[in-house]
Amino acid sequence: MTTTSDENDDTRPRRGKRRLKIGAVALVGVTAAALGVTVWQDGNATPSTTAGESARVATATVTRTDLSNAQTLSGTLGYSKAAPVKGAKAGLVTWLPAPGARVTRGHTLYKVDNVPVPVFYGATPLYRTLNARGMTGPDVRVVADNLKRLGYDIGSQPAAGTWVTQHPAPVDEFGTADASGAKGTTEDGVSGKTGTDTTAPAATPTPTATTTSVEVKEGDGVLTADLVAAIKRWQMHVGMPATGVLGIGDVVVQSGEVRVGAVQAQTGDDANGSLMTVSSTAKKVSVPVDATGVGTMARGNRVTVTLPDNSTVTGTIEAVGATATDNTDGDTSGGGGPAQLTVTVTVRVPDTGAVAKLTSAPVQVAFTSETRKGVLVVPVGALLALSEGGYAVQLPGGRLIAVRTGMFAKGLVEVTGDGLTAGLKVVTTS
């Protein structure tokens, strides 16, 4: 029977040869235990079928590098989920944007009775009429912050903990708050009695204006005289009545720049209803992940996204879903396999380059669950399973070095051992 050997066979100890053969057979078990690691096979890409058949050998260099354990999952690139926009003031819709339009801070989203309804950025909508100096609250803060960002001089805002005087809102002739700022007056009337009684009837008392002091809370704004003046200048500039008063529905508060989706309303419709949908202009990737595999995924982690043209961009995990969804396909009779619970991981990507050309597309997302920095690695095929337990690597001269294994990834394994250094040559299967 003809056998093959390399030029150093005469100098190798027989014990080393025997262990090499044992290691080549045991290697199947080693590589099968390593997720994502290829089982080494013979030159014809078919597994060995004879237990006594020797594995072909080659050498590999021990390398010091960073080793990452990553998994790649399918996802969908697109805009965030669309949210409805509902009108909040009386009147008729007189203008609407086109689907796909982008609207930024201070620009008009739609018009009611030919008056613009602009976009402000923030988290709190206008939930009341802002018509009296000294009013405080997060809605006032939204107005102040946006006008300042738009370049208007709003003066100084009282700091949290400051006590400010709240003035009553102007009232109309009926004693109700009046946005116009006019104060109602009461005229003395003449009695309808005849005779010599000329006593004038008692005048109806004018509501007494009272002031109160309140403490400014963290995150609140204050409707100061300077802010009211800035509101008037801004209103005049955008084409709104310059009253210095802002009411419910006068602006639309969004978290940032929006992209118009579907437009449901038409011009002439009642403005108190569903008008359109909008979404963030930021591109995001939604990835369904097995509920048992999200433990190492966290907000802020970096990922690599591969686009349809095979280019890659770096993304950031924005959110990891807290609710698991049953994605079991088809069978709802209860006779199928176990439920496949997944959670949605949302990844934010920069809207530049190839991403900017896409509105929706399937992508691949590589998540790195663990990274080992500056470790010694060898091909998995260099591991020998010893009969007494544990692993070793073999030098070209036949000497064995016992090693401890760490992370397995991409066909490599992290190893440590006495006498093991970067640049050392070790025997591996080919």
Protein backbone atom coordinates (compact mmCIF):
# COMPACT_ATOMS: atom_id res chain seq x y z
CA MET A 1 0.00 0.00 0.00
CA THR A 2 1.33 3.39 -0.92
CA THR A 3 1.34 6.11 1.75
CA THR A 4 2.12 9.82 1.59
CA SER A 5 4.30 11.76 3.98
CA ASP A 6 6.10 15.06 4.03
CA GLU A 7 9.86 15.45 4.02
CA ASN A 8 10.07 15.63 7.81
CA ASP A 9 8.37 12.29 8.50
CA ASP A 10 11.66 10.58 9.39
CA THR A 11 12.31 13.03 12.21
CA ARG A 12 8.82 13.01 13.75
CA PRO A 13 8.14 10.86 16.79
CA ARG A 14 5.66 8.11 16.09
CA ARG A 15 3.62 9.25 19.06
CA GLY A 16 3.17 12.62 17.39
CA LYS A 17 1.95 10.94 14.21
CA ARG A 18 -0.55 8.86 16.11
CA ARG A 19 -1.91 11.89 17.88
CA LEU A 20 -2.11 13.80 14.61
CA LYS A 21 -4.35 11.07 13.25
CA ILE A 22 -6.44 11.06 16.40
CA GLY A 23 -6.68 14.83 16.26
CA ALA A 24 -7.76 14.79 12.61
CA VAL A 25 -10.66 12.45 13.45
CA ALA A 26 -11.55 14.26 16.68
CA LEU A 27 -11.47 17.59 14.84
CA VAL A 28 -14.92 16.85 13.41
CA GLY A 29 -16.30 17.04 16.95
CA VAL A 30 -14.37 20.25 17.67
CA THR A 31 -15.59 22.09 14.61
CA ALA A 32 -19.15 20.86 14.98
CA ALA A 33 -19.25 22.52 18.39
CA ALA A 34 -18.14 25.86 17.00
CA LEU A 35 -21.00 27.85 15.46
CA GLY A 36 -20.23 29.21 12.02
CA VAL A 37 -16.92 27.30 11.72
CA THR A 38 -16.26 25.17 8.66
CA VAL A 39 -15.36 21.49 9.11
CA TRP A 40 -12.08 20.81 7.35
CA GLN A 41 -12.33 18.31 4.50
CA ASP A 42 -9.98 16.67 2.03
CA GLY A 43 -8.85 18.17 -1.25
CA ASN A 44 -11.89 16.86 -3.15
CA ALA A 45 -14.27 18.73 -0.76
CA THR A 46 -15.69 15.46 0.57
CA PRO A 47 -15.31 14.15 4.13
CA SER A 48 -12.89 11.30 4.78
CA THR A 49 -14.64 7.94 4.82
CA THR A 50 -11.86 5.75 6.18
CA ALA A 51 -10.91 6.00 9.84
CA GLY A 52 -7.28 5.11 9.15
CA GLU A 53 -6.86 7.58 6.32
CA SER A 54 -4.33 10.29 7.18
CA ALA A 55 -5.36 13.95 6.93
CA ARG A 56 -3.31 16.05 4.60
CA VAL A 57 -1.29 18.60 6.53
CA ALA A 58 -0.09 22.13 5.97
CA THR A 59 1.22 24.86 8.22
CA ALA A 60 -0.41 28.02 9.51
CA THR A 61 0.99 30.98 11.42
CA VAL A 62 -0.14 31.85 14.93
CA THR A 63 -1.51 35.39 14.63
CA ARG A 64 -2.36 38.10 17.17
CA THR A 65 -5.56 39.89 16.14
CA ASP A 66 -9.06 40.96 17.20
CA LEU A 67 -11.64 38.17 17.01
CA SER A 68 -15.36 38.91 16.81
CA ASN A 69 -18.28 36.57 17.10
CA ALA A 70 -20.91 37.97 14.72
CA GLN A 71 -24.24 36.83 13.34
CA THR A 72 -25.82 38.14 10.16
CA LEU A 73 -29.60 38.57 9.94
CA SER A 74 -32.02 39.81 7.28
CA GLY A 75 -33.72 43.17 7.74
CA THR A 76 -35.69 45.81 5.84
CA LEU A 77 -34.47 49.35 5.17
CA GLY A 78 -37.05 52.12 5.10
CA TYR A 79 -38.53 55.09 6.88
CA SER A 80 -39.98 54.80 10.37
CA LYS A 81 -43.62 53.89 10.88
CA ALA A 82 -45.94 56.63 9.64
CA ALA A 83 -47.95 58.56 12.24
CA PRO A 84 -51.23 60.37 11.56
CA VAL A 85 -51.57 64.16 11.63
CA LYS A 86 -54.95 65.48 12.74
CA GLY A 87 -56.09 69.06 12.53
CA ALA A 88 -56.84 70.76 15.84
CA LYS A 89 -58.47 74.06 14.86
CA ALA A 90 -61.73 75.01 13.24
CA GLY A 91 -61.80 75.97 9.58
CA LEU A 92 -61.38 74.54 6.11
CA VAL A 93 -58.25 73.01 4.65
CA THR A 94 -56.97 75.31 1.90
CA TRP A 95 -53.54 73.79 1.11
CA LEU A 96 -51.83 70.43 1.55
CA PRO A 97 -48.29 69.18 0.75
CA ALA A 98 -47.52 66.48 -1.81
CA PRO A 99 -46.67 62.94 -0.69
CA GLY A 100 -42.91 62.60 -0.19
CA ALA A 101 -42.42 66.26 0.71
CA ARG A 102 -40.07 67.04 3.56
CA VAL A 103 -41.01 69.75 6.05
CA THR A 104 -38.55 71.29 8.50
CA ARG A 105 -38.85 73.55 11.53
CA GLY A 106 -40.86 76.73 10.91
CA HIS A 107 -42.14 75.70 7.49
CA THR A 108 -45.79 75.16 6.60
CA LEU A 109 -47.26 71.65 6.84
CA TYR A 110 -50.76 72.67 5.74
CA LYS A 111 -53.08 75.72 5.73
CA VAL A 112 -56.44 76.34 7.39
CA ASP A 113 -58.54 79.22 6.06
CA ASN A 114 -55.41 80.18 4.11
CA VAL A 115 -53.42 80.62 7.35
CA PRO A 116 -50.20 78.55 7.58
CA VAL A 117 -49.86 75.84 10.21
CA PRO A 118 -46.07 75.49 10.63
CA VAL A 119 -43.98 72.69 12.16
CA PHE A 120 -42.23 73.13 15.50
CA TYR A 121 -39.84 70.56 16.97
CA GLY A 122 -40.45 69.21 20.45
CA ALA A 123 -42.21 66.66 22.61
CA THR A 124 -45.20 68.64 23.93
CA PRO A 125 -48.01 69.92 21.67
CA LEU A 126 -49.75 73.21 22.36
CA TYR A 127 -52.57 72.05 24.64
CA ARG A 128 -53.95 75.48 25.62
CA THR A 129 -54.07 79.07 24.44
CA LEU A 130 -50.91 80.97 25.33
CA ASN A 131 -52.29 84.45 25.89
CA ALA A 132 -51.12 85.76 29.28
CA ARG A 133 -47.72 86.93 30.43
CA GLY A 134 -46.18 84.75 33.09
CA MET A 135 -47.72 81.49 31.85
CA THR A 136 -45.31 78.62 32.42
CA GLY A 137 -45.08 75.08 31.10
CA PRO A 138 -43.41 72.70 28.66
CA ASP A 139 -45.57 74.00 25.81
CA VAL A 140 -44.17 77.50 26.38
CA ARG A 141 -40.68 75.98 26.32
CA VAL A 142 -41.40 74.45 22.90
CA VAL A 143 -42.39 77.88 21.53
CA ALA A 144 -39.38 79.60 23.07
CA ASP A 145 -36.87 77.00 21.87
CA ASN A 146 -38.20 76.96 18.31
CA LEU A 147 -38.30 80.74 17.89
CA LYS A 148 -34.77 80.98 19.25
CA ARG A 149 -33.58 78.30 16.80
CA LEU A 150 -35.31 80.19 14.00
CA GLY A 151 -33.24 83.27 14.83
CA TYR A 152 -35.70 85.38 16.82
CA ASP A 153 -34.62 87.33 19.89
CA ILE A 154 -36.73 85.95 22.76
CA GLY A 155 -34.82 87.65 25.55
CA SER A 156 -33.79 85.69 28.62
CA GLN A 157 -35.84 82.87 30.09
CA PRO A 158 -36.17 82.60 33.90
CA ALA A 159 -34.26 79.65 35.28
CA ALA A 160 -35.86 76.69 37.04
CA GLY A 161 -36.60 77.56 40.66
CA THR A 162 -37.34 81.21 39.85
CA TRP A 163 -40.67 82.66 41.01
CA VAL A 164 -42.56 84.62 38.33
CA THR A 165 -45.79 86.61 38.37
CA GLN A 166 -48.64 85.25 36.27
CA HIS A 167 -50.89 87.97 34.90
CA PRO A 168 -54.52 87.20 34.12
CA ALA A 169 -55.52 86.74 30.51
CA PRO A 170 -57.31 89.71 28.91
CA VAL A 171 -61.10 89.37 29.07
CA ASP A 172 -63.82 90.30 26.61
CA GLU A 173 -67.07 92.13 27.34
CA PHE A 174 -68.65 88.90 28.53
CA GLY A 175 -65.96 88.27 31.11
CA THR A 176 -64.22 85.43 29.23
CA ALA A 177 -60.59 85.22 28.21
CA ASP A 178 -60.01 87.18 25.01
CA ALA A 179 -57.12 86.37 22.71
CA SER A 180 -57.25 89.84 21.14
CA GLY A 181 -56.08 91.53 24.33
CA ALA A 182 -59.05 93.93 24.56
CA LYS A 183 -60.57 94.52 27.97
CA GLY A 184 -64.30 94.83 28.35
CA THR A 185 -65.75 97.91 30.09
CA THR A 186 -69.06 98.38 31.84
CA GLU A 187 -71.14 101.53 31.14
CA ASP A 188 -73.53 103.01 33.61
CA GLY A 189 -77.13 102.62 32.48
CA VAL A 190 -80.13 104.89 33.17
CA SER A 191 -83.01 103.55 35.26
CA GLY A 192 -86.31 103.03 33.55
CA LYS A 193 -88.19 104.46 36.56
CA THR A 194 -90.26 107.65 36.14
CA GLY A 195 -90.76 110.45 38.58
CA THR A 196 -88.23 112.33 40.58
CA ASP A 197 -86.05 109.28 41.32
CA THR A 198 -82.87 110.08 39.45
CA THR A 199 -80.62 107.63 41.30
CA ALA A 200 -78.44 105.79 38.77
CA PRO A 201 -78.59 102.00 38.98
CA ALA A 202 -75.54 100.21 40.36
CA ALA A 203 -72.99 99.37 37.69
CA THR A 204 -72.18 95.72 36.98
CA PRO A 205 -68.78 95.09 38.61
CA THR A 206 -65.84 94.44 36.30
CA PRO A 207 -64.07 91.13 37.08
CA THR A 208 -61.15 91.86 39.36
CA ALA A 209 -57.79 91.17 37.79
CA THR A 210 -55.59 89.16 40.10
CA THR A 211 -52.00 88.04 39.83
CA THR A 212 -50.35 84.97 41.24
CA SER A 213 -46.76 83.87 41.64
CA VAL A 214 -45.57 80.46 40.52
CA GLU A 215 -42.24 78.68 40.62
CA VAL A 216 -40.67 77.76 37.28
CA LYS A 217 -40.19 73.99 37.06
CA GLU A 218 -37.39 72.14 35.32
CA GLY A 219 -38.14 71.99 31.58
CA ASP A 220 -40.71 74.82 31.67
CA GLY A 221 -40.67 77.97 29.60
CA VAL A 222 -42.10 81.34 30.64
CA LEU A 223 -44.27 83.57 28.45
CA THR A 224 -42.33 86.78 28.98
CA ALA A 225 -42.95 90.15 27.31
CA ASP A 226 -39.91 89.55 25.09
CA LEU A 227 -41.24 86.13 24.04
CA VAL A 228 -44.66 87.61 23.20
CA ALA A 229 -42.94 90.23 21.05
CA ALA A 230 -40.95 87.51 19.27
CA ILE A 231 -44.15 85.53 18.61
CA LYS A 232 -45.69 88.63 16.96
CA ARG A 233 -42.64 89.15 14.71
CA TRP A 234 -42.62 85.49 13.70
CA GLN A 235 -46.37 85.46 13.02
CA MET A 236 -46.07 88.49 10.77
CA HIS A 237 -43.17 86.86 8.89
CA VAL A 238 -44.95 83.54 8.17
CA GLY A 239 -48.33 85.08 7.31
CA MET A 240 -50.29 84.46 10.51
CA PRO A 241 -52.29 87.16 12.34
CA ALA A 242 -49.71 89.00 14.47
CA THR A 243 -51.53 88.78 17.80
CA GLY A 244 -48.74 87.45 19.98
CA VAL A 245 -51.11 84.65 20.98
CA LEU A 246 -50.79 80.98 20.04
CA GLY A 247 -53.69 78.57 20.35
CA ILE A 248 -54.33 74.87 20.01
CA GLY A 249 -53.70 73.78 16.43
CA ASP A 250 -51.76 76.90 15.41
CA VAL A 251 -48.59 74.81 15.05
CA VAL A 252 -47.87 71.09 14.61
CA VAL A 253 -45.26 69.79 17.07
CA GLN A 254 -43.09 66.93 15.74
CA SER A 255 -39.91 65.30 17.00
CA GLY A 256 -37.94 66.60 14.02
CA GLU A 257 -38.02 66.98 10.25
CA VAL A 258 -40.88 64.96 8.76
CA ARG A 259 -41.57 63.26 5.46
CA VAL A 260 -45.17 63.37 4.23
CA GLY A 261 -46.63 59.94 3.52
CA ALA A 262 -50.25 59.46 2.49
CA VAL A 263 -52.46 62.57 2.24
CA GLN A 264 -56.03 61.72 3.23
CA ALA A 265 -57.67 65.17 3.20
CA GLN A 266 -58.56 67.38 0.28
CA THR A 267 -58.78 71.13 0.06
CA GLY A 268 -62.15 72.25 1.30
CA ASP A 269 -62.38 69.52 3.95
CA ASP A 270 -63.03 70.30 7.60
CA ALA A 271 -59.65 70.89 9.24
CA ASN A 272 -60.73 69.04 12.39
CA GLY A 273 -59.91 65.57 11.13
CA SER A 274 -57.24 63.25 9.75
CA LEU A 275 -55.19 65.14 7.21
CA MET A 276 -52.11 63.04 6.38
CA THR A 277 -49.44 60.73 7.72
CA VAL A 278 -45.83 61.70 8.37
CA SER A 279 -42.69 59.84 9.35
CA SER A 280 -39.18 60.71 10.37
CA THR A 281 -36.83 61.43 7.49
CA ALA A 282 -34.18 59.22 9.09
CA LYS A 283 -33.62 55.84 7.38
CA LYS A 284 -33.93 52.84 9.68
CA VAL A 285 -33.56 49.09 9.41
CA SER A 286 -36.03 46.77 11.11
CA VAL A 287 -34.60 43.33 11.96
CA PRO A 288 -36.69 40.49 13.43
CA VAL A 289 -34.46 38.67 15.93
CA ASP A 290 -35.11 35.43 17.78
CA ALA A 291 -36.23 36.38 21.28
CA THR A 292 -33.56 34.12 22.78
CA GLY A 293 -30.76 35.81 20.82
CA VAL A 294 -31.08 39.48 21.77
CA GLY A 295 -29.26 39.29 25.09
CA THR A 296 -26.05 40.88 23.77
CA MET A 297 -27.81 43.47 21.58
CA ALA A 298 -28.14 46.88 23.22
CA ARG A 299 -28.99 50.45 22.28
CA GLY A 300 -25.91 52.25 20.96
CA ASN A 301 -24.12 49.12 19.67
CA ARG A 302 -22.57 49.42 16.20
CA VAL A 303 -23.59 47.06 13.38
CA THR A 304 -22.65 46.61 9.73
CA VAL A 305 -25.43 46.86 7.15
CA THR A 306 -24.92 45.36 3.68
CA LEU A 307 -27.05 47.04 0.99
CA PRO A 308 -28.44 45.41 -2.19
CA ASP A 309 -25.44 46.68 -4.21
CA ASN A 310 -23.11 44.92 -1.70
CA SER A 311 -21.84 48.21 -0.30
CA THR A 312 -21.79 48.49 3.48
CA VAL A 313 -22.60 51.23 5.98
CA THR A 314 -22.21 51.38 9.72
CA GLY A 315 -25.43 51.60 11.69
CA THR A 316 -26.33 52.04 15.33
CA ILE A 317 -28.91 50.07 17.30
CA GLU A 318 -31.60 52.58 18.21
CA ALA A 319 -34.06 50.31 20.00
CA VAL A 320 -34.51 46.68 21.01
CA GLY A 321 -38.17 45.68 21.12
CA ALA A 322 -39.63 44.76 24.50
CA THR A 323 -42.53 42.71 23.10
CA ALA A 324 -42.05 39.30 21.47
CA THR A 325 -44.20 38.39 18.45
CA ASP A 326 -45.16 34.89 17.33
CA ASN A 327 -43.89 34.56 13.77
CA THR A 328 -44.91 30.92 13.27
CA ASP A 329 -45.93 30.58 9.64
CA GLY A 330 -49.10 29.03 8.39
CA ASP A 331 -50.50 26.49 10.82
CA THR A 332 -52.87 28.07 13.32
CA SER A 333 -54.52 24.83 14.37
CA GLY A 334 -52.08 24.23 17.18
CA GLY A 335 -50.62 21.10 15.58
CA GLY A 336 -47.44 22.73 14.31
CA GLY A 337 -44.07 23.17 15.96
CA PRO A 338 -43.23 25.48 18.86
CA ALA A 339 -43.92 29.19 18.53
CA GLN A 340 -41.15 31.25 16.93
CA LEU A 341 -40.98 34.34 19.11
CA THR A 342 -39.10 37.32 17.73
CA VAL A 343 -38.49 40.90 18.76
CA THR A 344 -37.79 43.80 16.43
CA VAL A 345 -34.39 45.47 16.63
CA THR A 346 -34.30 48.93 15.04
CA VAL A 347 -31.04 50.15 13.51
CA ARG A 348 -30.44 53.75 12.44
CA VAL A 349 -28.26 54.32 9.36
CA PRO A 350 -26.94 57.56 7.82
CA ASP A 351 -29.04 58.81 4.90
CA THR A 352 -26.06 59.33 2.60
CA GLY A 353 -24.51 57.68 -0.45
CA ALA A 354 -26.27 54.52 -1.56
CA VAL A 355 -28.73 54.73 1.35
CA ALA A 356 -30.05 58.09 0.11
CA LYS A 357 -31.11 56.49 -3.18
CA LEU A 358 -33.31 53.90 -1.47
CA THR A 359 -36.76 54.28 0.05
CA SER A 360 -37.17 50.60 0.92
CA ALA A 361 -34.92 47.58 0.40
CA PRO A 362 -33.93 44.21 1.89
CA VAL A 363 -30.56 44.32 3.65
CA GLN A 364 -28.25 42.12 5.71
CA VAL A 365 -27.22 43.23 9.21
CA ALA A 366 -24.15 41.86 10.98
CA PHE A 367 -24.39 42.01 14.79
CA THR A 368 -21.22 41.55 16.82
CA SER A 369 -22.05 39.89 20.12
CA GLU A 370 -18.51 39.73 21.51
CA THR A 371 -15.06 40.96 20.54
CA ARG A 372 -11.75 39.67 21.89
CA LYS A 373 -8.99 42.23 21.45
CA GLY A 374 -5.39 41.27 20.63
CA VAL A 375 -5.66 37.51 21.13
CA LEU A 376 -3.61 34.68 19.58
CA VAL A 377 -5.56 32.71 16.99
CA VAL A 378 -5.00 29.67 14.80
CA PRO A 379 -7.22 27.92 12.25
CA VAL A 380 -9.62 25.48 13.91
CA GLY A 381 -7.94 22.79 11.80
CA ALA A 382 -4.75 23.23 13.84
CA LEU A 383 -6.37 21.89 17.04
CA LEU A 384 -5.51 18.32 18.08
CA ALA A 385 -7.82 16.57 20.54
CA LEU A 386 -5.59 14.70 22.99
CA SER A 387 -6.54 11.24 24.26
CA GLU A 388 -6.02 12.36 27.85
CA GLY A 389 -8.31 15.36 27.28
CA GLY A 390 -7.79 18.93 26.19
CA TYR A 391 -6.22 20.27 23.03
CA ALA A 392 -2.80 20.93 21.57
CA VAL A 393 -1.18 22.35 18.47
CA GLN A 394 1.69 20.58 16.72
CA LEU A 395 4.86 22.23 15.49
CA PRO A 396 6.30 21.17 12.10
CA GLY A 397 9.02 19.22 13.94
CA GLY A 398 6.42 17.13 15.76
CA ARG A 399 6.47 18.74 19.23
CA LEU A 400 3.07 19.36 20.81
CA ILE A 401 2.09 22.49 22.75
CA ALA A 402 -0.93 22.17 25.04
CA VAL A 403 -3.39 25.02 24.52
CA ARG A 404 -6.54 26.40 26.09
CA THR A 405 -9.26 27.48 23.67
CA GLY A 406 -11.38 30.61 23.81
CA MET A 407 -13.71 32.12 21.21
CA PHE A 408 -14.46 30.32 17.94
CA ALA A 409 -15.29 32.58 14.98
CA LYS A 410 -14.86 32.66 11.21
CA GLY A 411 -12.85 29.42 11.09
CA LEU A 412 -10.41 30.63 13.75
CA VAL A 413 -10.04 29.83 17.44
CA GLU A 414 -8.53 31.83 20.26
CA VAL A 415 -5.68 29.90 21.93
CA THR A 416 -3.31 30.38 24.85
CA GLY A 417 -0.47 28.13 26.04
CA ASP A 418 3.10 28.09 27.35
CA GLY A 419 5.53 28.73 24.51
CA LEU A 420 2.81 29.89 22.09
CA THR A 421 3.76 33.18 20.40
CA ALA A 422 2.69 35.19 17.39
CA GLY A 423 4.54 34.13 14.22
CA LEU A 424 4.98 30.50 15.31
CA LYS A 425 4.23 27.91 12.62
CA VAL A 426 1.82 25.09 13.50
CA VAL A 427 0.49 22.10 11.58
CA THR A 428 -3.07 22.37 10.30
CA THR A 429 -5.33 20.39 8.04
CA SER A 430 -5.69 21.62 4.49
